Amino acid sequence: QVQLVESGGGLVQAGGSLRLSCAASGRAFSPYAMGWFRQAPGKEREFVAASGGISWSGSSIDYRDSVKGRFTISRDNAKNVVYLQMNSLNAEDTAVYYCAARLGSSKRDPQMYDYWGQGTQVTVSS
């Protein structure tokens, strides 16, 4: 089992920044691909960013197009934490953000992930 706990959400003005953190416990962290997803009210959960496990493809990084150049995913395998730095936020980024883990390479499909955190709310005011 892998337990995931997100933090760092909040209310921010458009153009502002937030950094989300996801702390993992329970298993060795580095082999796991870590993903960030988000879900806005009335919408399906969508992929945001992912980092492959260190054993897979050199820990590849992937982003959805709408966040490229604004969001950065990073991980500290020594601390078992994955981060999502979000800059230049806009109202369309408002959602509950979830981190997720799977053993293996990173994927965009949320159904491919086995472990999920409880989510953290990000609200961007315009």
Foldseek 3Di string as FASTA:
>chain_A
DKAKAKDWADEEAAQAKIKMKIAIDDDQQQQKKKFKWWDDPPGDIWGAKIWHRCVAPNGDIDGDPVQPPFWDWDDDSVRRMIMIIGGRDDQVPWGWMKMFIDRGTDDGDPVRTDYIYPTDTHGYHD
